[in-house]
Amino acid sequence: MPFGHITLVNVDGRAGDLLGAQLALAHSARQLPGASALLLSPQCPSRLLPGIKHIAIQPLSYFEYGLFVIYALHHFIATDFALIVQDDGWVLDGSQWRDSYCDYDYIGAPVNFARVREAEQTRYIRGSEWAGSLRDAASEVHFVMNGGMSLRSRRLLEAPASLKLPYVIQPVSGVQGPPYGMRWDLGCQLEDVQLCIDMRTRLEGAGMKFAPISVARQFAFEHLHPGVHDGLNLMEVFGHHSKIRKLTSIDPLTVRYQLPRDQLARIYGEGLIARVYQMRGYHVDFPSN
């Protein structure tokens, strides 16, 4: 079993059958023979897909989900690595797996947010502009790698709890709605931001290795950005994640966009991503305008 060292896992704090999450687990398991598949949710689906193990957890809010992944997920992972998948993030092509991914404790798709420390200032940068700082030897760039489709070593899963790392939440930036909810400009409430920015220095001090940009972009993509994905062959990428794409079937393979075509046309590189799905044999659904 070549992938017996990996547990494919989805954590969802909502009740229900969670078909999309199950499909992501089942399809990713097809791509990684020997990997186990685990669904953690409040209730066992009425129709649990073959090969997936379910463990009941208490209901979780979105914020509590982050706390669970950071501090509790390691209790359920017996393998050396966990690969988190979701209904909007799964393995595209298992043949693109590289054993060198296991040299790192955390890998995910690069996203459009980073902290850049320079000689006289620290900047938080949205968009792909942070990529230019990678060429500056005097700058320290901590870019966020998406957690929704991410590879994590078991020792990284254990580290925040064993090191007693705090989950630091900044003051709320504002309230948006309706329906009304809190907003943080820096995304500090997100568990992948906590790991890749707020906790990273202490984790690295404890020996954890975060993937560099050259590895992260080959591992998975979220959205394409100039300076980050230039020259990348998307057919050679292992996985992906994005809340605007959902897996709705694996027989036949079907991805459904959450935005109509006219809005997708304004997103850099999304037309290319849609063609890549089609080249991989997916049926691509779009909502009507």
C-alpha atoms as a PDB file:
ATOM      1  CA  MET A   1       0.000   0.000   0.000  1.00  0.00           C
ATOM      2  CA  PRO A   2       2.078   2.938  -1.239  1.00  0.00           C
ATOM      3  CA  PHE A   3       0.000   5.570   0.613  1.00  0.00           C
ATOM      4  CA  GLY A   4      -0.559   3.722   3.859  1.00  0.00           C
ATOM      5  CA  HIS A   5       1.273   6.503   5.690  1.00  0.00           C
ATOM      6  CA  ILE A   6      -1.504   9.002   4.872  1.00  0.00           C
ATOM      7  CA  THR A   7      -4.956   9.493   6.394  1.00  0.00           C
ATOM      8  CA  LEU A   8      -7.358  11.416   4.182  1.00  0.00           C
ATOM      9  CA  VAL A   9      -9.550  13.366   6.573  1.00  0.00           C
ATOM     10  CA  ASN A  10     -12.463  15.753   6.482  1.00  0.00           C
ATOM     11  CA  VAL A  11     -13.664  17.637   9.557  1.00  0.00           C
ATOM     12  CA  ASP A  12     -17.138  19.161   9.400  1.00  0.00           C
ATOM     13  CA  GLY A  13     -19.045  20.456  12.400  1.00  0.00           C
ATOM     14  CA  ARG A  14     -22.431  20.333  10.695  1.00  0.00           C
ATOM     15  CA  ALA A  15     -25.020  17.575  10.810  1.00  0.00           C
ATOM     16  CA  GLY A  16     -26.132  15.834   7.642  1.00  0.00           C
ATOM     17  CA  ASP A  17     -24.861  13.404   5.039  1.00  0.00           C
ATOM     18  CA  LEU A  18     -22.095  15.786   3.841  1.00  0.00           C
ATOM     19  CA  LEU A  19     -22.084  14.174   0.408  1.00  0.00           C
ATOM     20  CA  GLY A  20     -19.580  16.626  -1.048  1.00  0.00           C
ATOM     21  CA  ALA A  21     -17.055  15.882   1.681  1.00  0.00           C
ATOM     22  CA  GLN A  22     -17.593  12.149   1.218  1.00  0.00           C
ATOM     23  CA  LEU A  23     -17.044  12.477  -2.532  1.00  0.00           C
ATOM     24  CA  ALA A  24     -13.789  14.351  -1.927  1.00  0.00           C
ATOM     25  CA  LEU A  25     -12.620  11.601   0.419  1.00  0.00           C
ATOM     26  CA  ALA A  26     -13.677   8.800  -1.930  1.00  0.00           C
ATOM     27  CA  HIS A  27     -12.143  10.346  -5.045  1.00  0.00           C
ATOM     28  CA  SER A  28      -8.911  11.240  -3.251  1.00  0.00           C
ATOM     29  CA  ALA A  29      -8.715   7.668  -1.926  1.00  0.00           C
ATOM     30  CA  ARG A  30      -9.005   6.392  -5.507  1.00  0.00           C
ATOM     31  CA  GLN A  31      -6.051   8.591  -6.394  1.00  0.00           C
ATOM     32  CA  LEU A  32      -3.970   7.414  -3.400  1.00  0.00           C
ATOM     33  CA  PRO A  33      -4.319   3.618  -3.083  1.00  0.00           C
ATOM     34  CA  GLY A  34      -3.718   2.447   0.468  1.00  0.00           C
ATOM     35  CA  ALA A  35      -4.591   5.738   2.143  1.00  0.00           C
ATOM     36  CA  SER A  36      -7.332   5.545   4.754  1.00  0.00           C
ATOM     37  CA  ALA A  37     -10.345   7.880   4.627  1.00  0.00           C
ATOM     38  CA  LEU A  38     -11.844   9.443   7.743  1.00  0.00           C
ATOM     39  CA  LEU A  39     -14.904  11.663   8.207  1.00  0.00           C
ATOM     40  CA  LEU A  40     -15.262  13.527  11.509  1.00  0.00           C
ATOM     41  CA  SER A  41     -18.749  15.009  11.887  1.00  0.00           C
ATOM     42  CA  PRO A  42     -21.617  15.141  14.415  1.00  0.00           C
ATOM     43  CA  GLN A  43     -23.628  12.304  12.896  1.00  0.00           C
ATOM     44  CA  CYS A  44     -22.908   9.333  10.698  1.00  0.00           C
ATOM     45  CA  PRO A  45     -24.320   9.882   7.203  1.00  0.00           C
ATOM     46  CA  SER A  46     -27.367   7.799   6.387  1.00  0.00           C
ATOM     47  CA  ARG A  47     -25.404   6.597   3.363  1.00  0.00           C
ATOM     48  CA  LEU A  48     -21.715   6.367   4.183  1.00  0.00           C
ATOM     49  CA  LEU A  49     -19.700   5.773   1.020  1.00  0.00           C
ATOM     50  CA  PRO A  50     -17.613   2.574   0.935  1.00  0.00           C
ATOM     51  CA  GLY A  51     -14.121   2.827   2.397  1.00  0.00           C
ATOM     52  CA  ILE A  52     -14.846   5.842   4.630  1.00  0.00           C
ATOM     53  CA  LYS A  53     -14.685   5.544   8.414  1.00  0.00           C
ATOM     54  CA  HIS A  54     -16.870   7.883  10.461  1.00  0.00           C
ATOM     55  CA  ILE A  55     -16.165   9.163  13.972  1.00  0.00           C
ATOM     56  CA  ALA A  56     -18.736  11.338  15.733  1.00  0.00           C
ATOM     57  CA  ILE A  57     -17.662  14.725  17.092  1.00  0.00           C
ATOM     58  CA  GLN A  58     -19.640  17.532  18.692  1.00  0.00           C
ATOM     59  CA  PRO A  59     -21.119  20.232  16.424  1.00  0.00           C
ATOM     60  CA  LEU A  60     -18.611  22.951  15.550  1.00  0.00           C
ATOM     61  CA  SER A  61     -19.000  26.552  14.459  1.00  0.00           C
ATOM     62  CA  TYR A  62     -16.642  27.813  11.742  1.00  0.00           C
ATOM     63  CA  PHE A  63     -14.361  29.294  14.399  1.00  0.00           C
ATOM     64  CA  GLU A  64     -14.489  26.116  16.485  1.00  0.00           C
ATOM     65  CA  TYR A  65     -13.501  24.148  13.378  1.00  0.00           C
ATOM     66  CA  GLY A  66     -10.188  26.027  13.359  1.00  0.00           C
ATOM     67  CA  LEU A  67      -9.602  25.293  17.024  1.00  0.00           C
ATOM     68  CA  PHE A  68     -10.408  21.610  16.484  1.00  0.00           C
ATOM     69  CA  VAL A  69      -7.981  21.239  13.574  1.00  0.00           C
ATOM     70  CA  ILE A  70      -5.200  23.066  15.422  1.00  0.00           C
ATOM     71  CA  TYR A  71      -5.535  21.454  18.840  1.00  0.00           C
ATOM     72  CA  ALA A  72      -7.594  18.234  18.568  1.00  0.00           C
ATOM     73  CA  LEU A  73      -7.250  16.613  15.143  1.00  0.00           C
ATOM     74  CA  HIS A  74      -4.050  14.789  16.077  1.00  0.00           C
ATOM     75  CA  HIS A  75      -6.024  12.563  18.470  1.00  0.00           C
ATOM     76  CA  PHE A  76      -7.685  10.891  15.461  1.00  0.00           C
ATOM     77  CA  ILE A  77      -4.657  10.469  13.165  1.00  0.00           C
ATOM     78  CA  ALA A  78      -2.553   7.336  13.618  1.00  0.00           C
ATOM     79  CA  THR A  79      -0.520   7.674  10.393  1.00  0.00           C
ATOM     80  CA  ASP A  80       2.564   9.796   9.803  1.00  0.00           C
ATOM     81  CA  PHE A  81       0.610  12.324   7.717  1.00  0.00           C
ATOM     82  CA  ALA A  82      -2.903  13.669   7.341  1.00  0.00           C
ATOM     83  CA  LEU A  83      -4.215  15.063   4.068  1.00  0.00           C
ATOM     84  CA  ILE A  84      -7.181  17.330   4.741  1.00  0.00           C
ATOM     85  CA  VAL A  85      -9.741  17.400   1.924  1.00  0.00           C
ATOM     86  CA  GLN A  86     -13.101  19.128   1.571  1.00  0.00           C
ATOM     87  CA  ASP A  87     -15.943  19.366  -0.927  1.00  0.00           C
ATOM     88  CA  ASP A  88     -14.027  22.267  -2.485  1.00  0.00           C
ATOM     89  CA  GLY A  89     -10.543  20.743  -2.254  1.00  0.00           C
ATOM     90  CA  TRP A  90      -9.383  17.264  -3.258  1.00  0.00           C
ATOM     91  CA  VAL A  91      -6.644  15.304  -5.040  1.00  0.00           C
ATOM     92  CA  LEU A  92      -6.692  15.998  -8.755  1.00  0.00           C
ATOM     93  CA  ASP A  93      -4.059  13.514  -9.867  1.00  0.00           C
ATOM     94  CA  GLY A  94      -2.390  11.000  -7.578  1.00  0.00           C
ATOM     95  CA  SER A  95       0.273  10.302 -10.218  1.00  0.00           C
ATOM     96  CA  GLN A  96       1.624  13.793  -9.512  1.00  0.00           C
ATOM     97  CA  TRP A  97       2.435  12.878  -5.911  1.00  0.00           C
ATOM     98  CA  ARG A  98       6.067  13.410  -4.966  1.00  0.00           C
ATOM     99  CA  ASP A  99       7.637  11.495  -2.106  1.00  0.00           C
ATOM    100  CA  SER A 100       9.593  14.671  -1.312  1.00  0.00           C
ATOM    101  CA  TYR A 101       6.351  16.201  -0.007  1.00  0.00           C
ATOM    102  CA  CYS A 102       6.956  14.134   3.123  1.00  0.00           C
ATOM    103  CA  ASP A 103      10.116  16.165   3.755  1.00  0.00           C
ATOM    104  CA  TYR A 104       7.799  18.935   4.979  1.00  0.00           C
ATOM    105  CA  ASP A 105       5.430  19.226   7.904  1.00  0.00           C
ATOM    106  CA  TYR A 106       2.931  21.534   6.181  1.00  0.00           C
ATOM    107  CA  ILE A 107       2.063  22.052   2.513  1.00  0.00           C
ATOM    108  CA  GLY A 108      -0.978  23.740   0.994  1.00  0.00           C
ATOM    109  CA  ALA A 109      -1.909  25.850  -1.993  1.00  0.00           C
ATOM    110  CA  PRO A 110      -0.437  29.390  -1.846  1.00  0.00           C
ATOM    111  CA  VAL A 111      -3.179  31.954  -1.252  1.00  0.00           C
ATOM    112  CA  ASN A 112      -3.355  35.701  -1.752  1.00  0.00           C
ATOM    113  CA  PHE A 113      -2.130  36.712   1.698  1.00  0.00           C
ATOM    114  CA  ALA A 114       1.281  36.973   3.345  1.00  0.00           C
ATOM    115  CA  ARG A 115       3.240  38.740   6.044  1.00  0.00           C
ATOM    116  CA  VAL A 116       6.425  40.384   4.824  1.00  0.00           C
ATOM    117  CA  ARG A 117       9.012  41.468   7.355  1.00  0.00           C
ATOM    118  CA  GLU A 118      11.559  43.959   6.109  1.00  0.00           C
ATOM    119  CA  ALA A 119      14.319  45.876   7.860  1.00  0.00           C
ATOM    120  CA  GLU A 120      12.099  48.701   9.083  1.00  0.00           C
ATOM    121  CA  GLN A 121       8.541  47.428   8.827  1.00  0.00           C
ATOM    122  CA  THR A 122       6.173  44.476   8.798  1.00  0.00           C
ATOM    123  CA  ARG A 123       3.517  44.457   6.119  1.00  0.00           C
ATOM    124  CA  TYR A 124       0.449  42.266   5.605  1.00  0.00           C
ATOM    125  CA  ILE A 125      -0.159  42.005   1.877  1.00  0.00           C
ATOM    126  CA  ARG A 126      -3.285  40.790   0.073  1.00  0.00           C
ATOM    127  CA  GLY A 127      -3.108  39.788  -3.570  1.00  0.00           C
ATOM    128  CA  SER A 128      -0.039  38.348  -5.271  1.00  0.00           C
ATOM    129  CA  GLU A 129       2.200  41.376  -4.683  1.00  0.00           C
ATOM    130  CA  TRP A 130       3.943  39.553  -1.837  1.00  0.00           C
ATOM    131  CA  ALA A 131       5.573  37.257  -4.398  1.00  0.00           C
ATOM    132  CA  GLY A 132       7.941  40.053  -5.429  1.00  0.00           C
ATOM    133  CA  SER A 133       9.404  40.071  -1.912  1.00  0.00           C
ATOM    134  CA  LEU A 134      10.548  36.458  -2.354  1.00  0.00           C
ATOM    135  CA  ARG A 135      13.369  37.781  -4.530  1.00  0.00           C
ATOM    136  CA  ASP A 136      14.571  40.126  -1.786  1.00  0.00           C
ATOM    137  CA  ALA A 137      17.059  38.327   0.444  1.00  0.00           C
ATOM    138  CA  ALA A 138      16.521  40.939   3.148  1.00  0.00           C
ATOM    139  CA  SER A 139      12.798  40.189   3.395  1.00  0.00           C
ATOM    140  CA  GLU A 140      11.197  37.396   5.408  1.00  0.00           C
ATOM    141  CA  VAL A 141       8.032  36.213   3.676  1.00  0.00           C
ATOM    142  CA  HIS A 142       5.493  34.067   5.492  1.00  0.00           C
ATOM    143  CA  PHE A 143       2.833  33.325   2.880  1.00  0.00           C
ATOM    144  CA  VAL A 144      -0.347  31.507   3.806  1.00  0.00           C
ATOM    145  CA  MET A 145      -0.888  28.006   2.435  1.00  0.00           C
ATOM    146  CA  ASN A 146      -4.515  26.983   2.323  1.00  0.00           C
ATOM    147  CA  GLY A 147      -5.576  24.484   4.980  1.00  0.00           C
ATOM    148  CA  GLY A 148      -8.652  23.124   3.190  1.00  0.00           C
ATOM    149  CA  MET A 149      -6.519  20.825   1.042  1.00  0.00           C
ATOM    150  CA  SER A 150      -3.264  20.453   2.936  1.00  0.00           C
ATOM    151  CA  LEU A 151      -0.708  17.832   3.915  1.00  0.00           C
ATOM    152  CA  ARG A 152       0.320  17.909   7.574  1.00  0.00           C
ATOM    153  CA  SER A 153       2.705  15.687   9.465  1.00  0.00           C
ATOM    154  CA  ARG A 154       1.440  14.139  12.660  1.00  0.00           C
ATOM    155  CA  ARG A 155       4.128  15.962  14.601  1.00  0.00           C
ATOM    156  CA  LEU A 156       2.823  19.283  13.274  1.00  0.00           C
ATOM    157  CA  LEU A 157      -0.715  18.313  14.252  1.00  0.00           C
ATOM    158  CA  GLU A 158       0.531  17.613  17.778  1.00  0.00           C
ATOM    159  CA  ALA A 159       2.781  20.665  18.096  1.00  0.00           C
ATOM    160  CA  PRO A 160       0.336  23.527  18.872  1.00  0.00           C
ATOM    161  CA  ALA A 161      -1.103  21.623  21.837  1.00  0.00           C
ATOM    162  CA  SER A 162       2.212  20.247  23.107  1.00  0.00           C
ATOM    163  CA  LEU A 163       3.922  23.639  22.762  1.00  0.00           C
ATOM    164  CA  LYS A 164       0.864  25.413  24.229  1.00  0.00           C
ATOM    165  CA  LEU A 165       0.750  27.864  21.348  1.00  0.00           C
ATOM    166  CA  PRO A 166      -2.019  30.465  21.736  1.00  0.00           C
ATOM    167  CA  TYR A 167      -4.661  31.050  19.085  1.00  0.00           C
ATOM    168  CA  VAL A 168      -4.381  34.843  18.851  1.00  0.00           C
ATOM    169  CA  ILE A 169      -7.437  36.715  17.582  1.00  0.00           C
ATOM    170  CA  GLN A 170      -7.177  40.397  16.753  1.00  0.00           C
ATOM    171  CA  PRO A 171     -10.089  42.805  17.358  1.00  0.00           C
ATOM    172  CA  VAL A 172     -12.970  42.461  14.922  1.00  0.00           C
ATOM    173  CA  SER A 173     -12.520  44.744  11.905  1.00  0.00           C
ATOM    174  CA  GLY A 174     -16.219  45.171  11.275  1.00  0.00           C
ATOM    175  CA  VAL A 175     -19.641  43.599  10.942  1.00  0.00           C
ATOM    176  CA  GLN A 176     -21.145  42.707   7.579  1.00  0.00           C
ATOM    177  CA  GLY A 177     -24.577  41.514   6.543  1.00  0.00           C
ATOM    178  CA  PRO A 178     -27.351  40.662   6.403  1.00  0.00           C
ATOM    179  CA  PRO A 179     -27.079  38.009   7.669  1.00  0.00           C
ATOM    180  CA  TYR A 180     -24.663  39.773   9.998  1.00  0.00           C
ATOM    181  CA  GLY A 181     -21.327  38.368  10.973  1.00  0.00           C
ATOM    182  CA  MET A 182     -17.929  39.459  12.199  1.00  0.00           C
ATOM    183  CA  ARG A 183     -15.120  40.303   9.777  1.00  0.00           C
ATOM    184  CA  TRP A 184     -11.346  40.312  10.288  1.00  0.00           C
ATOM    185  CA  ASP A 185      -9.276  42.107   7.656  1.00  0.00           C
ATOM    186  CA  LEU A 186      -6.212  39.963   8.358  1.00  0.00           C
ATOM    187  CA  GLY A 187      -8.006  36.619   8.495  1.00  0.00           C
ATOM    188  CA  CYS A 188      -6.577  35.946  11.948  1.00  0.00           C
ATOM    189  CA  GLN A 189      -9.573  33.742  12.817  1.00  0.00           C
ATOM    190  CA  LEU A 190      -8.556  31.181  10.152  1.00  0.00           C
ATOM    191  CA  GLU A 191      -6.514  28.194  11.250  1.00  0.00           C
ATOM    192  CA  ASP A 192      -4.209  28.256   8.226  1.00  0.00           C
ATOM    193  CA  VAL A 193      -3.355  31.909   8.917  1.00  0.00           C
ATOM    194  CA  GLN A 194      -2.616  30.990  12.526  1.00  0.00           C
ATOM    195  CA  LEU A 195      -0.235  28.222  11.437  1.00  0.00           C
ATOM    196  CA  CYS A 196       1.479  29.970   8.536  1.00  0.00           C
ATOM    197  CA  ILE A 197       1.875  33.395  10.169  1.00  0.00           C
ATOM    198  CA  ASP A 198       1.113  33.670  13.882  1.00  0.00           C
ATOM    199  CA  MET A 199       2.475  30.295  15.038  1.00  0.00           C
ATOM    200  CA  ARG A 200       5.068  29.741  12.339  1.00  0.00           C
ATOM    201  CA  THR A 201       8.171  31.125  14.048  1.00  0.00           C
ATOM    202  CA  ARG A 202       7.667  28.986  17.140  1.00  0.00           C
ATOM    203  CA  LEU A 203       6.793  25.934  15.059  1.00  0.00           C
ATOM    204  CA  GLU A 204       9.929  26.345  12.984  1.00  0.00           C
ATOM    205  CA  GLY A 205      11.887  26.787  16.190  1.00  0.00           C
ATOM    206  CA  ALA A 206      10.587  23.367  17.221  1.00  0.00           C
ATOM    207  CA  GLY A 207      11.866  21.851  13.977  1.00  0.00           C
ATOM    208  CA  MET A 208       8.788  22.074  11.751  1.00  0.00           C
ATOM    209  CA  LYS A 209       9.381  22.631   8.031  1.00  0.00           C
ATOM    210  CA  PHE A 210       6.946  24.659   5.932  1.00  0.00           C
ATOM    211  CA  ALA A 211       7.076  24.075   2.179  1.00  0.00           C
ATOM    212  CA  PRO A 212       8.696  26.825   0.081  1.00  0.00           C
ATOM    213  CA  ILE A 213       6.756  28.454  -2.729  1.00  0.00           C
ATOM    214  CA  SER A 214       8.327  26.192  -5.380  1.00  0.00           C
ATOM    215  CA  VAL A 215       6.904  23.118  -3.621  1.00  0.00           C
ATOM    216  CA  ALA A 216       3.593  24.644  -2.513  1.00  0.00           C
ATOM    217  CA  ARG A 217       2.586  25.749  -6.002  1.00  0.00           C
ATOM    218  CA  GLN A 218       3.341  22.291  -7.401  1.00  0.00           C
ATOM    219  CA  PHE A 219       1.383  20.620  -4.615  1.00  0.00           C
ATOM    220  CA  ALA A 220      -1.881  22.508  -5.158  1.00  0.00           C
ATOM    221  CA  PHE A 221      -3.425  25.695  -6.495  1.00  0.00           C
ATOM    222  CA  GLU A 222      -6.277  27.784  -5.194  1.00  0.00           C
ATOM    223  CA  HIS A 223      -6.428  30.748  -7.563  1.00  0.00           C
ATOM    224  CA  LEU A 224      -3.732  31.697 -10.051  1.00  0.00           C
ATOM    225  CA  HIS A 225      -1.607  34.789  -9.525  1.00  0.00           C
ATOM    226  CA  PRO A 226       1.061  36.473 -11.677  1.00  0.00           C
ATOM    227  CA  GLY A 227       4.470  35.998 -10.126  1.00  0.00           C
ATOM    228  CA  VAL A 228       3.327  32.935  -8.199  1.00  0.00           C
ATOM    229  CA  HIS A 229       2.110  30.533 -10.879  1.00  0.00           C
ATOM    230  CA  ASP A 230       3.964  31.804 -13.945  1.00  0.00           C
ATOM    231  CA  GLY A 231       5.205  28.880 -16.056  1.00  0.00           C
ATOM    232  CA  LEU A 232       3.386  26.266 -13.998  1.00  0.00           C
ATOM    233  CA  ASN A 233       1.853  23.331 -15.907  1.00  0.00           C
ATOM    234  CA  LEU A 234      -1.480  22.820 -14.157  1.00  0.00           C
ATOM    235  CA  MET A 235      -1.713  19.279 -15.507  1.00  0.00           C
ATOM    236  CA  GLU A 236       1.245  18.427 -13.272  1.00  0.00           C
ATOM    237  CA  VAL A 237      -0.313  19.756 -10.050  1.00  0.00           C
ATOM    238  CA  PHE A 238      -1.344  17.250  -7.378  1.00  0.00           C
ATOM    239  CA  GLY A 239      -4.453  18.931  -5.919  1.00  0.00           C
ATOM    240  CA  HIS A 240      -6.495  22.092  -5.612  1.00  0.00           C
ATOM    241  CA  HIS A 241      -8.851  24.083  -3.406  1.00  0.00           C
ATOM    242  CA  SER A 242     -11.314  26.911  -3.915  1.00  0.00           C
ATOM    243  CA  LYS A 243     -14.681  27.749  -2.406  1.00  0.00           C
ATOM    244  CA  ILE A 244     -16.003  28.602  -5.889  1.00  0.00           C
ATOM    245  CA  ARG A 245     -15.571  24.999  -7.136  1.00  0.00           C
ATOM    246  CA  LYS A 246     -17.418  22.050  -5.611  1.00  0.00           C
ATOM    247  CA  LEU A 247     -17.200  18.318  -6.311  1.00  0.00           C
ATOM    248  CA  THR A 248     -20.751  17.083  -6.953  1.00  0.00           C
ATOM    249  CA  SER A 249     -20.159  13.647  -8.450  1.00  0.00           C
ATOM    250  CA  ILE A 250     -17.338  11.172  -8.993  1.00  0.00           C
ATOM    251  CA  ASP A 251     -19.288   8.826 -11.311  1.00  0.00           C
ATOM    252  CA  PRO A 252     -19.069  10.738 -13.609  1.00  0.00           C
ATOM    253  CA  LEU A 253     -16.536  13.256 -12.323  1.00  0.00           C
ATOM    254  CA  THR A 254     -18.335  16.591 -12.032  1.00  0.00           C
ATOM    255  CA  VAL A 255     -17.216  19.936 -10.666  1.00  0.00           C
ATOM    256  CA  ARG A 256     -19.758  22.719 -10.235  1.00  0.00           C
ATOM    257  CA  TYR A 257     -18.792  26.363 -10.150  1.00  0.00           C
ATOM    258  CA  GLN A 258     -20.517  28.549  -7.574  1.00  0.00           C
ATOM    259  CA  LEU A 259     -20.331  31.662  -9.773  1.00  0.00           C
ATOM    260  CA  PRO A 260     -21.797  32.246 -13.244  1.00  0.00           C
ATOM    261  CA  ARG A 261     -19.542  32.411 -16.290  1.00  0.00           C
ATOM    262  CA  ASP A 262     -19.570  36.214 -16.567  1.00  0.00           C
ATOM    263  CA  GLN A 263     -18.181  36.581 -13.039  1.00  0.00           C
ATOM    264  CA  LEU A 264     -15.630  33.792 -13.556  1.00  0.00           C
ATOM    265  CA  ALA A 265     -14.355  35.584 -16.646  1.00  0.00           C
ATOM    266  CA  ARG A 266     -13.189  38.415 -14.380  1.00  0.00           C
ATOM    267  CA  ILE A 267     -11.094  36.086 -12.183  1.00  0.00           C
ATOM    268  CA  TYR A 268      -7.506  35.825 -13.367  1.00  0.00           C
ATOM    269  CA  GLY A 269      -6.699  32.377 -14.769  1.00  0.00           C
ATOM    270  CA  GLU A 270     -10.059  30.773 -13.982  1.00  0.00           C
ATOM    271  CA  GLY A 271     -10.792  30.019 -17.622  1.00  0.00           C
ATOM    272  CA  LEU A 272      -7.555  28.026 -17.789  1.00  0.00           C
ATOM    273  CA  ILE A 273      -8.460  26.134 -14.613  1.00  0.00           C
ATOM    274  CA  ALA A 274     -11.867  25.205 -16.051  1.00  0.00           C
ATOM    275  CA  ARG A 275     -10.165  23.849 -19.175  1.00  0.00           C
ATOM    276  CA  VAL A 276      -7.797  21.799 -17.021  1.00  0.00           C
ATOM    277  CA  TYR A 277     -10.782  20.116 -15.351  1.00  0.00           C
ATOM    278  CA  GLN A 278     -12.206  19.273 -18.749  1.00  0.00           C
ATOM    279  CA  MET A 279      -8.846  17.910 -19.912  1.00  0.00           C
ATOM    280  CA  ARG A 280      -8.864  15.680 -16.820  1.00  0.00           C
ATOM    281  CA  GLY A 281     -12.261  14.262 -17.811  1.00  0.00           C
ATOM    282  CA  TYR A 282     -14.505  16.349 -15.542  1.00  0.00           C
ATOM    283  CA  HIS A 283     -17.893  17.568 -16.580  1.00  0.00           C
ATOM    284  CA  VAL A 284     -17.940  21.260 -15.623  1.00  0.00           C
ATOM    285  CA  ASP A 285     -21.259  22.778 -14.511  1.00  0.00           C
ATOM    286  CA  PHE A 286     -21.940  26.509 -14.328  1.00  0.00           C
ATOM    287  CA  PRO A 287     -24.928  28.198 -12.665  1.00  0.00           C
ATOM    288  CA  SER A 288     -27.144  30.345 -14.833  1.00  0.00           C
ATOM    289  CA  ASN A 289     -26.624  34.110 -14.680  1.00  0.00           C
END
